[in-house]
Amino acid sequence: MADMKERSGPGPAASGPAAPHQTLALAAMLFAVSMTFIDQTIVAIAAPSIVDELDLSSSGIQWVVNAYLLALAAFFALGGRLADILGHRRMMVIGTLIFVISSVLCGCVPDDSFAVSWLIVFRATQGLGAALMFPAALAVVVAVFPVDKRGRALALFFGLSGALTALGPLLGGWLTGWTWRAIFWVNVPVAIIALVLTALAHIPHQARRERLDLPGAVLVALGMGLSVLGLQQASAWGWSSFATWACVIGGLAVLVLFCAYELRVDEPLIKLHVFRDKAFGVDAAVLFFAMLAFVPLFFFASVYAQVSLSASPNQAALFLLYFFIGFAIASQWGGRILDKRGARPALKLGTALGAVGFALWANKLTDLSMHDQWPYVALAGAGIGFLLAPASTDAVNRSLNASYGEVTGITQTVRNYAAAVGMAVYGTILTHVTTDKVVETLTSRGVPDDAAQDAARDISEAVTGNPDSQAPGGDGPVGTVVRDSMDAIRMDFAEANQWVFYGMAIALGIGFLCALRHPGTRVTEETHTPDHQPTHH
């Protein structure tokens, strides 16, 4: 690794082999992780077509979507640790192969009674492949670039990979026009490109001869899986359900047990004393509150555009592109700020801009005009863009004993857990407020209260679960009033979304308070030997 550092020195005078190695390695990792980002959104767009062809229930398709995210959250910490023990390059290749083989099998689902089970199983193995691949891919980027160039490299990594998430709805809408199975098969050429570039980049093999903490891996997977399952199913089971709280509280109890166990073993899955570094703790907290908004945004903004703005799925995806324009531009600035001044200024600026952007965006939702909203959409994107790469990079730079895969596993677990919490909490808020407002609309037009409650619940479930649903049917007087009230109901839904987007602004505001506590120290030199840690100033 020392000779890699010498070859990749600053300035144009660097010798020939260095730049291609860095560029090819970065490109290879981007192609690999792009599949995991796109798959978080692409299936939701194709869901109606999958339901129609395979005759799935609404709970069945929900499990198809959630199985991927559940496995991703449960196994990220394990993926990070395996990357350190077995080698970053090796685990990236293994994770990519598991992911792409699972993708092919998802696309080959038989049209029979096994369809639901088949899809859920291979969506889960897709999530496992992503959990093994992503920490290893990020660790490769960290290892290849020296610390003075790492901020810009990771800004590009997070900026482009994050922007690729917006391709999910666009790509999904286009491919579904041919066959929904193509949304899974499209991963094959991407994976081939990633593997070929990995071979050409000559990424050095790095591994640590350490024991894998299997009990810790089981505990964290069980704890994350249970708690995320409870959060995901809260909208279906209800927050008053025993099953919801049994999963959430049971999962959190297992995670507490995991932490207690990890502090007692010699070679833990996660070295929890990394949180003794105040800057690392702040980085993780900022990522948590930022991800409460960032990942759920894709769902809520897309459904809002399709319901309240009557946009098509492709138009909804273009709506999100405003967000990513701001995100992509700011992520490059954030990387430069990190390299020159450290993470603290970027975290403060990003959380402040994000909070203001989401608040102004929320205020404009009831205008029902995409044209009036785009500056605030872009501002919200810029806020996330400023902070995402600096917080992630600063956390990785502070990794203990250069254990990049392990620390990446921690930060990505924080991000995925926050996304699950955000989806559950905002989803509950949206459903509850939409129902209340639709009841007010229908009762003001003469519908009896009980009938209005039933109709409002049906409408709320329809628009939050399947934004392409047609107007409610039925020839009775209630159905007629509902159809005649659709313009008012679209406004009700927009007002309910305001609560969600103000909630996202509050999350970024709390993130700003956390950013103020960052000590402002900078990682100024890099060591890769097991006996040393990065130096902070």
Protein backbone atom coordinates (compact mmCIF):
# COMPACT_ATOMS: atom_id res chain seq x y z
CA MET A 1 0.00 0.00 0.00
CA ALA A 2 2.98 2.25 0.61
CA ASP A 3 4.00 2.12 -3.04
CA MET A 4 0.40 2.93 -4.00
CA LYS A 5 0.60 6.06 -1.86
CA GLU A 6 3.84 7.09 -3.50
CA ARG A 7 2.43 6.58 -6.98
CA SER A 8 -0.69 8.57 -6.22
CA GLY A 9 0.94 11.76 -4.98
CA PRO A 10 -0.56 15.16 -5.70
CA GLY A 11 -0.14 17.21 -8.84
CA PRO A 12 0.10 16.44 -12.54
CA ALA A 13 3.60 15.09 -12.13
CA ALA A 14 2.25 11.81 -10.82
CA SER A 15 3.45 8.90 -12.92
CA GLY A 16 1.33 7.03 -15.46
CA PRO A 17 0.10 3.95 -13.58
CA ALA A 18 -1.24 5.90 -10.57
CA ALA A 19 -4.08 7.88 -12.13
CA PRO A 20 -5.55 4.96 -14.12
CA HIS A 21 -5.55 2.80 -10.99
CA GLN A 22 -7.42 5.42 -9.01
CA THR A 23 -9.82 6.35 -11.81
CA LEU A 24 -10.60 2.75 -12.76
CA ALA A 25 -11.02 1.71 -9.13
CA LEU A 26 -13.43 4.60 -8.48
CA ALA A 27 -15.38 3.84 -11.66
CA ALA A 28 -15.59 0.12 -10.80
CA MET A 29 -16.93 0.81 -7.32
CA LEU A 30 -19.44 3.33 -8.68
CA PHE A 31 -20.83 0.81 -11.16
CA ALA A 32 -21.08 -1.79 -8.41
CA VAL A 33 -22.89 0.35 -5.83
CA SER A 34 -25.12 1.98 -8.45
CA MET A 35 -27.06 -1.28 -8.61
CA THR A 36 -27.81 -1.15 -4.89
CA PHE A 37 -29.01 2.47 -5.04
CA ILE A 38 -31.18 1.99 -8.13
CA ASP A 39 -32.79 -1.13 -6.64
CA GLN A 40 -34.03 0.86 -3.64
CA THR A 41 -36.49 2.75 -5.87
CA ILE A 42 -36.92 0.86 -9.14
CA VAL A 43 -39.16 -1.94 -7.79
CA ALA A 44 -41.72 0.49 -6.36
CA ILE A 45 -42.39 1.88 -9.85
CA ALA A 46 -42.87 -1.60 -11.34
CA ALA A 47 -45.00 -2.83 -8.40
CA PRO A 48 -48.42 -2.46 -10.13
CA SER A 49 -47.22 -4.50 -13.14
CA ILE A 50 -45.75 -7.20 -10.87
CA VAL A 51 -49.02 -7.39 -8.91
CA ASP A 52 -51.09 -7.71 -12.10
CA GLU A 53 -48.99 -10.43 -13.73
CA LEU A 54 -48.29 -12.55 -10.64
CA ASP A 55 -51.62 -11.82 -8.90
CA LEU A 56 -49.90 -10.75 -5.67
CA SER A 57 -51.66 -9.33 -2.64
CA SER A 58 -50.86 -5.84 -1.38
CA SER A 59 -49.02 -7.35 1.61
CA GLY A 60 -47.14 -9.66 -0.76
CA ILE A 61 -45.74 -6.85 -2.89
CA GLN A 62 -44.92 -4.88 0.26
CA TRP A 63 -42.78 -7.80 1.42
CA VAL A 64 -41.10 -7.94 -2.00
CA VAL A 65 -40.08 -4.28 -1.60
CA ASN A 66 -39.16 -4.56 2.10
CA ALA A 67 -37.23 -7.86 1.96
CA TYR A 68 -34.35 -6.12 0.18
CA LEU A 69 -34.17 -3.22 2.66
CA LEU A 70 -34.55 -5.57 5.63
CA ALA A 71 -31.61 -7.78 4.58
CA LEU A 72 -29.56 -4.69 3.74
CA ALA A 73 -30.04 -3.28 7.25
CA ALA A 74 -29.49 -6.61 9.01
CA PHE A 75 -26.21 -7.60 7.34
CA PHE A 76 -24.37 -4.30 6.76
CA ALA A 77 -22.26 -4.58 9.92
CA LEU A 78 -21.30 -8.15 9.00
CA GLY A 79 -20.40 -7.02 5.47
CA GLY A 80 -18.09 -4.35 6.79
CA ARG A 81 -16.28 -6.76 9.10
CA LEU A 82 -15.93 -9.47 6.45
CA ALA A 83 -14.42 -6.88 4.09
CA ASP A 84 -11.68 -6.20 6.65
CA ILE A 85 -10.99 -9.88 7.40
CA LEU A 86 -11.22 -11.40 3.90
CA GLY A 87 -10.14 -8.38 1.85
CA HIS A 88 -12.01 -5.39 0.41
CA ARG A 89 -11.58 -6.36 -3.25
CA ARG A 90 -12.57 -9.99 -2.63
CA MET A 91 -15.75 -9.10 -0.71
CA MET A 92 -16.72 -6.53 -3.31
CA VAL A 93 -16.54 -9.23 -5.99
CA ILE A 94 -18.40 -11.79 -3.84
CA GLY A 95 -21.12 -9.28 -2.97
CA THR A 96 -21.52 -8.24 -6.61
CA LEU A 97 -21.87 -11.87 -7.73
CA ILE A 98 -24.47 -12.64 -5.05
CA PHE A 99 -26.37 -9.48 -5.98
CA VAL A 100 -26.42 -10.05 -9.74
CA ILE A 101 -27.26 -13.79 -9.53
CA SER A 102 -30.14 -12.92 -7.19
CA SER A 103 -31.26 -10.22 -9.65
CA VAL A 104 -31.40 -12.75 -12.50
CA LEU A 105 -33.39 -15.17 -10.34
CA CYS A 106 -35.82 -12.39 -9.35
CA GLY A 107 -36.44 -11.74 -13.04
CA CYS A 108 -37.04 -15.45 -13.65
CA VAL A 109 -39.78 -15.80 -11.03
CA PRO A 110 -42.33 -18.47 -12.09
CA ASP A 111 -45.93 -17.39 -12.62
CA ASP A 112 -47.44 -19.79 -10.07
CA SER A 113 -48.18 -20.17 -6.36
CA PHE A 114 -44.46 -19.99 -5.51
CA ALA A 115 -44.12 -16.48 -7.01
CA VAL A 116 -44.35 -14.55 -3.72
CA SER A 117 -41.97 -16.83 -1.82
CA TRP A 118 -39.54 -16.89 -4.73
CA LEU A 119 -39.41 -13.10 -5.04
CA ILE A 120 -39.11 -12.48 -1.30
CA VAL A 121 -36.25 -14.99 -0.90
CA PHE A 122 -34.19 -13.65 -3.80
CA ARG A 123 -34.92 -10.02 -2.96
CA ALA A 124 -33.50 -10.80 0.50
CA THR A 125 -30.38 -12.39 -1.03
CA GLN A 126 -30.07 -9.27 -3.20
CA GLY A 127 -30.00 -7.25 0.00
CA LEU A 128 -27.37 -9.60 1.45
CA GLY A 129 -25.21 -9.12 -1.65
CA ALA A 130 -25.56 -5.34 -1.39
CA ALA A 131 -24.66 -5.44 2.32
CA LEU A 132 -21.48 -7.42 1.54
CA MET A 133 -20.57 -5.27 -1.46
CA PHE A 134 -21.12 -1.68 -0.34
CA PRO A 135 -18.78 -1.48 2.70
CA ALA A 136 -16.07 -3.24 0.68
CA ALA A 137 -16.51 -0.89 -2.31
CA LEU A 138 -16.28 2.21 -0.14
CA ALA A 139 -13.25 0.78 1.66
CA VAL A 140 -11.54 0.27 -1.73
CA VAL A 141 -12.04 3.96 -2.60
CA VAL A 142 -10.71 5.00 0.81
CA ALA A 143 -7.65 2.75 0.46
CA VAL A 144 -6.76 3.82 -3.09
CA PHE A 145 -6.94 7.59 -2.52
CA PRO A 146 -4.60 9.38 -0.07
CA VAL A 147 -6.22 11.47 2.64
CA ASP A 148 -5.59 14.80 0.87
CA LYS A 149 -7.55 13.60 -2.20
CA ARG A 150 -10.08 11.42 -0.44
CA GLY A 151 -12.64 14.17 0.21
CA ARG A 152 -13.03 14.94 -3.49
CA ALA A 153 -13.01 11.25 -4.45
CA LEU A 154 -15.69 10.33 -1.93
CA ALA A 155 -17.71 13.44 -2.81
CA LEU A 156 -17.79 12.10 -6.37
CA PHE A 157 -18.57 8.59 -5.08
CA PHE A 158 -21.49 9.67 -2.88
CA GLY A 159 -22.66 12.37 -5.31
CA LEU A 160 -22.89 10.11 -8.35
CA SER A 161 -24.13 7.04 -6.50
CA GLY A 162 -26.76 9.14 -4.74
CA ALA A 163 -27.83 10.74 -8.00
CA LEU A 164 -28.21 7.27 -9.51
CA THR A 165 -31.05 6.66 -7.06
CA ALA A 166 -33.09 9.09 -9.15
CA LEU A 167 -32.58 6.81 -12.15
CA GLY A 168 -34.58 4.10 -10.42
CA PRO A 169 -38.04 5.57 -11.16
CA LEU A 170 -37.00 6.73 -14.67
CA LEU A 171 -35.43 3.41 -15.56
CA GLY A 172 -38.24 1.49 -13.92
CA GLY A 173 -40.93 3.30 -15.90
CA TRP A 174 -39.11 2.75 -19.20
CA LEU A 175 -38.19 -0.91 -18.64
CA THR A 176 -41.62 -1.83 -17.28
CA GLY A 177 -43.07 -0.76 -20.65
CA TRP A 178 -41.18 -3.75 -22.10
CA THR A 179 -41.40 -6.19 -19.18
CA TRP A 180 -41.14 -5.64 -15.44
CA ARG A 181 -38.63 -8.52 -15.30
CA ALA A 182 -36.12 -6.25 -17.06
CA ILE A 183 -35.79 -4.09 -13.91
CA PHE A 184 -33.84 -7.01 -12.42
CA TRP A 185 -32.01 -8.11 -15.57
CA VAL A 186 -30.60 -4.61 -16.16
CA ASN A 187 -28.18 -5.30 -13.28
CA VAL A 188 -26.33 -7.95 -15.35
CA PRO A 189 -24.46 -5.63 -17.76
CA VAL A 190 -23.76 -3.17 -14.93
CA ALA A 191 -22.23 -5.93 -12.80
CA ILE A 192 -20.10 -7.16 -15.71
CA ILE A 193 -18.70 -3.65 -16.26
CA ALA A 194 -17.96 -3.33 -12.51
CA LEU A 195 -16.12 -6.66 -12.38
CA VAL A 196 -14.10 -5.98 -15.55
CA LEU A 197 -13.03 -2.54 -14.29
CA THR A 198 -12.11 -4.07 -10.92
CA ALA A 199 -9.79 -6.52 -12.65
CA LEU A 200 -8.21 -3.76 -14.78
CA ALA A 201 -7.68 -1.44 -11.79
CA HIS A 202 -5.21 -3.83 -10.09
CA ILE A 203 -6.60 -3.02 -6.65
CA PRO A 204 -4.15 -4.32 -4.01
CA HIS A 205 -5.37 -7.14 -1.77
CA GLN A 206 -5.75 -6.09 1.87
CA ALA A 207 -6.91 -8.45 4.60
CA ARG A 208 -6.59 -8.67 8.38
CA ARG A 209 -5.94 -12.05 10.01
CA GLU A 210 -8.61 -11.81 12.69
CA ARG A 211 -11.41 -14.02 13.98
CA LEU A 212 -14.98 -13.31 12.85
CA ASP A 213 -17.29 -12.62 15.77
CA LEU A 214 -20.14 -14.94 14.78
CA PRO A 215 -22.27 -14.48 17.95
CA GLY A 216 -22.03 -10.71 17.46
CA ALA A 217 -23.01 -11.08 13.80
CA VAL A 218 -26.09 -13.12 14.76
CA LEU A 219 -27.10 -10.65 17.49
CA VAL A 220 -26.78 -7.51 15.34
CA ALA A 221 -28.58 -9.15 12.40
CA LEU A 222 -31.40 -10.30 14.69
CA GLY A 223 -31.66 -6.95 16.48
CA MET A 224 -31.57 -4.84 13.30
CA GLY A 225 -33.87 -7.23 11.47
CA LEU A 226 -36.50 -7.35 14.20
CA SER A 227 -36.60 -3.62 14.88
CA VAL A 228 -36.63 -2.67 11.18
CA LEU A 229 -39.36 -5.28 10.57
CA GLY A 230 -41.52 -3.69 13.26
CA LEU A 231 -40.98 -0.23 11.79
CA GLN A 232 -41.68 -1.40 8.23
CA GLN A 233 -44.88 -3.23 9.22
CA ALA A 234 -46.21 -0.50 11.52
CA SER A 235 -48.38 0.93 8.75
CA ALA A 236 -49.94 -2.49 8.08
CA TRP A 237 -50.14 -3.83 11.63
CA GLY A 238 -50.84 -0.47 13.26
CA TRP A 239 -48.89 1.31 16.00
CA SER A 240 -51.27 -0.10 18.61
CA SER A 241 -50.48 -3.68 17.53
CA PHE A 242 -48.65 -5.97 19.95
CA ALA A 243 -46.64 -7.41 17.05
CA THR A 244 -45.32 -3.96 16.04
CA TRP A 245 -44.00 -3.13 19.50
CA ALA A 246 -42.80 -6.70 20.15
CA CYS A 247 -40.57 -6.41 17.07
CA VAL A 248 -39.36 -2.85 17.74
CA ILE A 249 -38.72 -3.25 21.49
CA GLY A 250 -37.46 -6.81 21.10
CA GLY A 251 -35.05 -5.72 18.36
CA LEU A 252 -33.76 -2.79 20.42
CA ALA A 253 -33.30 -5.11 23.43
CA VAL A 254 -31.23 -7.49 21.30
CA LEU A 255 -29.12 -4.53 20.07
CA VAL A 256 -28.46 -3.50 23.69
CA LEU A 257 -27.41 -7.09 24.39
CA PHE A 258 -25.18 -6.95 21.31
CA CYS A 259 -23.45 -3.79 22.57
CA ALA A 260 -22.87 -5.33 26.00
CA TYR A 261 -21.43 -8.46 24.40
CA GLU A 262 -19.19 -6.53 22.00
CA LEU A 263 -17.58 -4.61 24.86
CA ARG A 264 -16.47 -7.88 26.48
CA VAL A 265 -14.94 -9.81 23.56
CA ASP A 266 -11.35 -9.47 22.34
CA GLU A 267 -12.12 -9.30 18.60
CA PRO A 268 -15.63 -7.80 18.32
CA LEU A 269 -17.67 -7.45 15.17
CA ILE A 270 -17.75 -3.69 15.82
CA LYS A 271 -15.21 -1.86 17.98
CA LEU A 272 -17.72 0.30 19.82
CA HIS A 273 -15.03 2.42 21.46
CA VAL A 274 -14.71 4.20 18.10
CA PHE A 275 -17.61 6.27 19.49
CA ARG A 276 -15.23 7.65 22.12
CA ASP A 277 -13.98 9.89 19.32
CA LYS A 278 -16.41 12.82 19.69
CA ALA A 279 -16.09 13.75 16.02
CA PHE A 280 -17.05 10.22 14.94
CA GLY A 281 -20.11 10.30 17.20
CA VAL A 282 -21.18 13.64 15.74
CA ASP A 283 -20.64 12.36 12.18
CA ALA A 284 -22.86 9.34 12.93
CA ALA A 285 -25.56 11.53 14.55
CA VAL A 286 -25.61 13.96 11.60
CA LEU A 287 -25.88 11.04 9.17
CA PHE A 288 -28.77 9.59 11.20
CA PHE A 289 -30.85 12.78 11.16
CA ALA A 290 -29.99 13.52 7.51
CA MET A 291 -31.07 10.02 6.46
CA LEU A 292 -34.40 10.49 8.24
CA ALA A 293 -35.13 12.85 5.34
CA PHE A 294 -32.93 11.71 2.45
CA VAL A 295 -34.08 8.13 1.81
CA PRO A 296 -37.83 8.54 2.64
CA LEU A 297 -37.88 11.61 0.38
CA PHE A 298 -37.88 9.42 -2.75
CA PHE A 299 -41.13 7.73 -1.78
CA PHE A 300 -43.01 10.71 -0.38
CA ALA A 301 -42.05 13.20 -3.10
CA SER A 302 -42.86 10.66 -5.83
CA VAL A 303 -46.29 9.81 -4.38
CA TYR A 304 -47.06 13.51 -3.79
CA ALA A 305 -46.20 14.33 -7.41
CA GLN A 306 -48.37 11.50 -8.74
CA VAL A 307 -51.37 12.15 -6.49
CA SER A 308 -51.48 15.89 -5.85
CA LEU A 309 -49.81 17.07 -9.08
CA SER A 310 -51.37 14.29 -11.23
CA ALA A 311 -47.91 13.55 -12.63
CA SER A 312 -46.96 10.32 -14.40
CA PRO A 313 -44.26 8.09 -12.81
CA ASN A 314 -41.69 9.48 -15.27
CA GLN A 315 -42.73 13.08 -14.53
CA ALA A 316 -42.43 12.31 -10.82
CA ALA A 317 -38.89 11.07 -11.41
CA LEU A 318 -38.05 14.32 -13.24
CA PHE A 319 -39.44 16.20 -10.22
CA LEU A 320 -36.79 14.43 -8.11
CA LEU A 321 -34.07 15.41 -10.57
CA TYR A 322 -34.32 19.01 -9.29
CA PHE A 323 -33.29 17.62 -5.90
CA PHE A 324 -30.32 15.80 -7.40
CA ILE A 325 -29.12 18.80 -9.37
CA GLY A 326 -28.68 20.64 -6.09
CA PHE A 327 -27.32 17.49 -4.46
CA ALA A 328 -24.69 16.78 -7.14
CA ILE A 329 -23.37 20.36 -7.28
CA ALA A 330 -23.18 20.77 -3.50
CA SER A 331 -21.55 17.37 -2.96
CA GLN A 332 -18.50 18.55 -4.90
CA TRP A 333 -18.30 21.74 -2.82
CA GLY A 334 -18.71 19.68 0.34
CA GLY A 335 -15.75 17.53 -0.64
CA ARG A 336 -13.56 20.60 -1.21
CA ILE A 337 -14.61 22.10 2.15
CA LEU A 338 -13.70 18.82 3.87
CA ASP A 339 -10.25 18.74 2.24
CA LYS A 340 -9.45 22.39 3.07
CA ARG A 341 -11.22 23.09 6.36
CA GLY A 342 -12.42 19.78 7.79
CA ALA A 343 -15.91 18.33 8.22
CA ARG A 344 -17.43 20.80 10.72
CA PRO A 345 -18.12 23.72 8.30
CA ALA A 346 -19.64 21.36 5.71
CA LEU A 347 -21.88 19.67 8.30
CA LYS A 348 -23.12 23.01 9.67
CA LEU A 349 -23.77 24.45 6.20
CA GLY A 350 -25.44 21.28 4.91
CA THR A 351 -27.80 20.77 7.83
CA ALA A 352 -28.75 24.47 7.90
CA LEU A 353 -29.45 24.63 4.15
CA GLY A 354 -31.31 21.32 4.30
CA ALA A 355 -33.55 22.46 7.15
CA VAL A 356 -34.38 25.74 5.35
CA GLY A 357 -34.85 23.99 2.00
CA PHE A 358 -37.25 21.35 3.32
CA ALA A 359 -39.22 23.96 5.29
CA LEU A 360 -39.63 26.24 2.25
CA TRP A 361 -40.46 23.22 0.07
CA ALA A 362 -43.14 22.13 2.55
CA ASN A 363 -44.66 25.61 2.47
CA LYS A 364 -45.01 25.41 -1.35
CA LEU A 365 -46.57 21.94 -1.55
CA THR A 366 -50.12 23.30 -1.48
CA ASP A 367 -49.48 25.51 -4.52
CA LEU A 368 -49.80 22.28 -6.58
CA SER A 369 -47.24 23.57 -9.07
CA MET A 370 -43.99 21.78 -9.83
CA HIS A 371 -42.65 24.98 -11.40
CA ASP A 372 -43.04 26.97 -8.17
CA GLN A 373 -41.29 24.32 -6.07
CA TRP A 374 -38.09 23.54 -7.94
CA PRO A 375 -35.81 26.18 -6.28
CA TYR A 376 -36.66 24.81 -2.83
CA VAL A 377 -36.35 21.20 -4.02
CA ALA A 378 -32.85 22.01 -5.29
CA LEU A 379 -31.99 23.84 -2.04
CA ALA A 380 -33.02 20.81 0.03
CA GLY A 381 -30.87 18.64 -2.25
CA ALA A 382 -27.92 20.99 -1.84
CA GLY A 383 -28.18 20.74 1.94
CA ILE A 384 -27.94 16.94 1.86
CA GLY A 385 -25.18 17.15 -0.76
CA PHE A 386 -23.01 19.42 1.39
CA LEU A 387 -23.07 17.10 4.41
CA LEU A 388 -23.34 13.52 3.11
CA ALA A 389 -19.82 12.94 1.80
CA PRO A 390 -18.01 14.99 4.49
CA ALA A 391 -19.82 13.21 7.35
CA SER A 392 -19.23 9.77 5.82
CA THR A 393 -15.61 10.52 4.85
CA ASP A 394 -14.70 12.10 8.19
CA ALA A 395 -16.11 9.06 10.01
CA VAL A 396 -14.13 6.65 7.82
CA ASN A 397 -10.95 8.71 8.22
CA ARG A 398 -11.23 8.24 11.97
CA SER A 399 -11.42 4.45 11.68
CA LEU A 400 -9.49 2.51 14.28
CA ASN A 401 -6.41 0.75 12.95
CA ALA A 402 -7.40 1.54 9.34
CA SER A 403 -10.44 -0.77 9.68
CA TYR A 404 -12.29 1.00 6.89
CA GLY A 405 -14.76 -1.78 6.12
CA GLU A 406 -15.81 -2.05 9.76
CA VAL A 407 -16.39 1.69 10.21
CA THR A 408 -18.23 1.85 6.89
CA GLY A 409 -20.44 -0.95 8.22
CA ILE A 410 -21.23 1.19 11.27
CA THR A 411 -22.06 4.37 9.34
CA GLN A 412 -24.12 2.54 6.71
CA THR A 413 -26.03 0.65 9.42
CA VAL A 414 -26.84 4.02 11.02
CA ARG A 415 -28.02 5.33 7.65
CA ASN A 416 -30.23 2.33 6.87
CA TYR A 417 -31.74 2.28 10.34
CA ALA A 418 -32.56 5.98 10.08
CA ALA A 419 -34.20 5.39 6.70
CA ALA A 420 -36.42 2.68 8.19
CA VAL A 421 -37.39 4.93 11.12
CA GLY A 422 -38.15 7.81 8.74
CA MET A 423 -40.31 5.70 6.44
CA ALA A 424 -42.31 4.32 9.38
CA VAL A 425 -42.83 7.60 11.23
CA TYR A 426 -43.55 9.78 8.19
CA GLY A 427 -45.75 7.06 6.68
CA THR A 428 -47.86 6.98 9.82
CA ILE A 429 -48.12 10.78 9.87
CA LEU A 430 -49.12 10.90 6.19
CA THR A 431 -51.79 8.20 6.51
CA HIS A 432 -53.27 9.68 9.71
CA VAL A 433 -53.39 13.31 8.53
CA THR A 434 -54.67 12.35 5.06
CA THR A 435 -57.49 10.32 6.61
CA ASP A 436 -58.53 13.15 8.95
CA LYS A 437 -58.52 15.77 6.19
CA VAL A 438 -60.45 13.58 3.72
CA VAL A 439 -63.07 12.90 6.42
CA GLU A 440 -63.50 16.67 6.86
CA THR A 441 -63.86 17.12 3.09
CA LEU A 442 -66.46 14.36 2.71
CA THR A 443 -68.53 15.26 5.78
CA SER A 444 -68.65 18.89 4.61
CA ARG A 445 -70.27 17.57 1.43
CA GLY A 446 -73.00 15.65 3.23
CA VAL A 447 -71.44 12.18 3.62
CA PRO A 448 -72.33 10.56 7.00
CA ASP A 449 -69.42 10.38 9.44
CA ASP A 450 -69.08 6.55 9.49
CA ALA A 451 -69.17 6.32 5.70
CA ALA A 452 -66.71 9.19 5.43
CA GLN A 453 -64.31 7.43 7.84
CA ASP A 454 -64.44 4.21 5.80
CA ALA A 455 -64.00 6.00 2.48
CA ALA A 456 -61.14 8.15 3.85
CA ARG A 457 -59.26 5.09 5.09
CA ASP A 458 -59.64 3.40 1.70
CA ILE A 459 -58.43 6.52 -0.12
CA SER A 460 -55.50 6.99 2.26
CA GLU A 461 -54.35 3.39 1.83
CA ALA A 462 -54.76 3.63 -1.94
CA VAL A 463 -52.78 6.82 -2.47
CA THR A 464 -49.99 5.98 -0.01
CA GLY A 465 -49.64 2.39 -1.16
CA ASN A 466 -50.23 2.65 -4.90
CA PRO A 467 -50.16 6.17 -6.34
CA ASP A 468 -51.29 4.98 -9.76
CA SER A 469 -54.64 3.74 -8.44
CA GLN A 470 -57.66 4.99 -10.33
CA ALA A 471 -60.30 7.12 -8.65
CA PRO A 472 -62.42 5.08 -6.21
CA GLY A 473 -65.19 3.20 -7.94
CA GLY A 474 -68.72 2.41 -6.88
CA ASP A 475 -72.05 3.74 -8.07
CA GLY A 476 -73.41 4.63 -4.61
CA PRO A 477 -73.82 8.18 -3.33
CA VAL A 478 -70.54 8.02 -1.35
CA GLY A 479 -68.58 6.89 -4.42
CA THR A 480 -70.12 9.69 -6.45
CA VAL A 481 -69.20 12.32 -3.84
CA VAL A 482 -65.65 10.93 -3.61
CA ARG A 483 -65.17 11.14 -7.40
CA ASP A 484 -66.60 14.66 -7.47
CA SER A 485 -64.27 15.65 -4.60
CA MET A 486 -60.97 14.42 -6.09
CA ASP A 487 -59.59 17.94 -6.57
CA ALA A 488 -60.22 18.69 -2.91
CA ILE A 489 -58.76 15.33 -1.90
CA ARG A 490 -55.59 16.06 -3.88
CA MET A 491 -55.25 19.25 -1.83
CA ASP A 492 -55.90 17.27 1.38
CA PHE A 493 -53.05 14.96 0.42
CA ALA A 494 -50.76 17.92 -0.29
CA GLU A 495 -51.55 19.39 3.13
CA ALA A 496 -50.81 16.04 4.77
CA ASN A 497 -47.46 15.91 2.97
CA GLN A 498 -46.64 19.32 4.44
CA TRP A 499 -46.49 17.66 7.86
CA VAL A 500 -44.04 15.08 6.48
CA PHE A 501 -41.75 17.66 4.86
CA TYR A 502 -41.79 19.90 7.91
CA GLY A 503 -40.79 16.78 9.85
CA MET A 504 -37.82 16.36 7.49
CA ALA A 505 -36.88 20.01 8.09
CA ILE A 506 -36.98 19.39 11.86
CA ALA A 507 -34.74 16.33 11.44
CA LEU A 508 -32.15 18.47 9.60
CA GLY A 509 -32.51 21.14 12.28
CA ILE A 510 -31.62 18.59 14.97
CA GLY A 511 -28.73 17.53 12.73
CA PHE A 512 -27.52 21.16 12.76
CA LEU A 513 -27.49 21.16 16.58
CA CYS A 514 -25.42 17.98 16.46
CA ALA A 515 -23.02 19.51 13.90
CA LEU A 516 -22.33 22.40 16.30
CA ARG A 517 -20.81 19.85 18.69
CA HIS A 518 -18.24 18.63 16.17
CA PRO A 519 -14.81 19.45 17.64
CA GLY A 520 -13.51 20.64 14.26
CA THR A 521 -10.44 18.41 14.33
CA ARG A 522 -9.10 17.28 10.96
CA VAL A 523 -7.44 14.07 9.83
CA THR A 524 -4.13 15.29 8.43
CA GLU A 525 -2.17 12.14 7.78
CA GLU A 526 -2.94 8.56 6.94
CA THR A 527 -1.45 5.35 8.27
CA HIS A 528 -2.32 1.87 7.14
CA THR A 529 -0.46 -0.25 9.65
CA PRO A 530 -2.46 -2.05 12.34
CA ASP A 531 -0.48 -0.44 15.14
CA HIS A 532 -1.30 3.17 14.28
CA GLN A 533 -4.31 5.39 13.94
CA PRO A 534 -4.83 8.46 11.78
CA THR A 535 -3.50 11.68 13.29
CA HIS A 536 -6.06 14.37 14.20
CA HIS A 537 -5.41 18.10 14.45
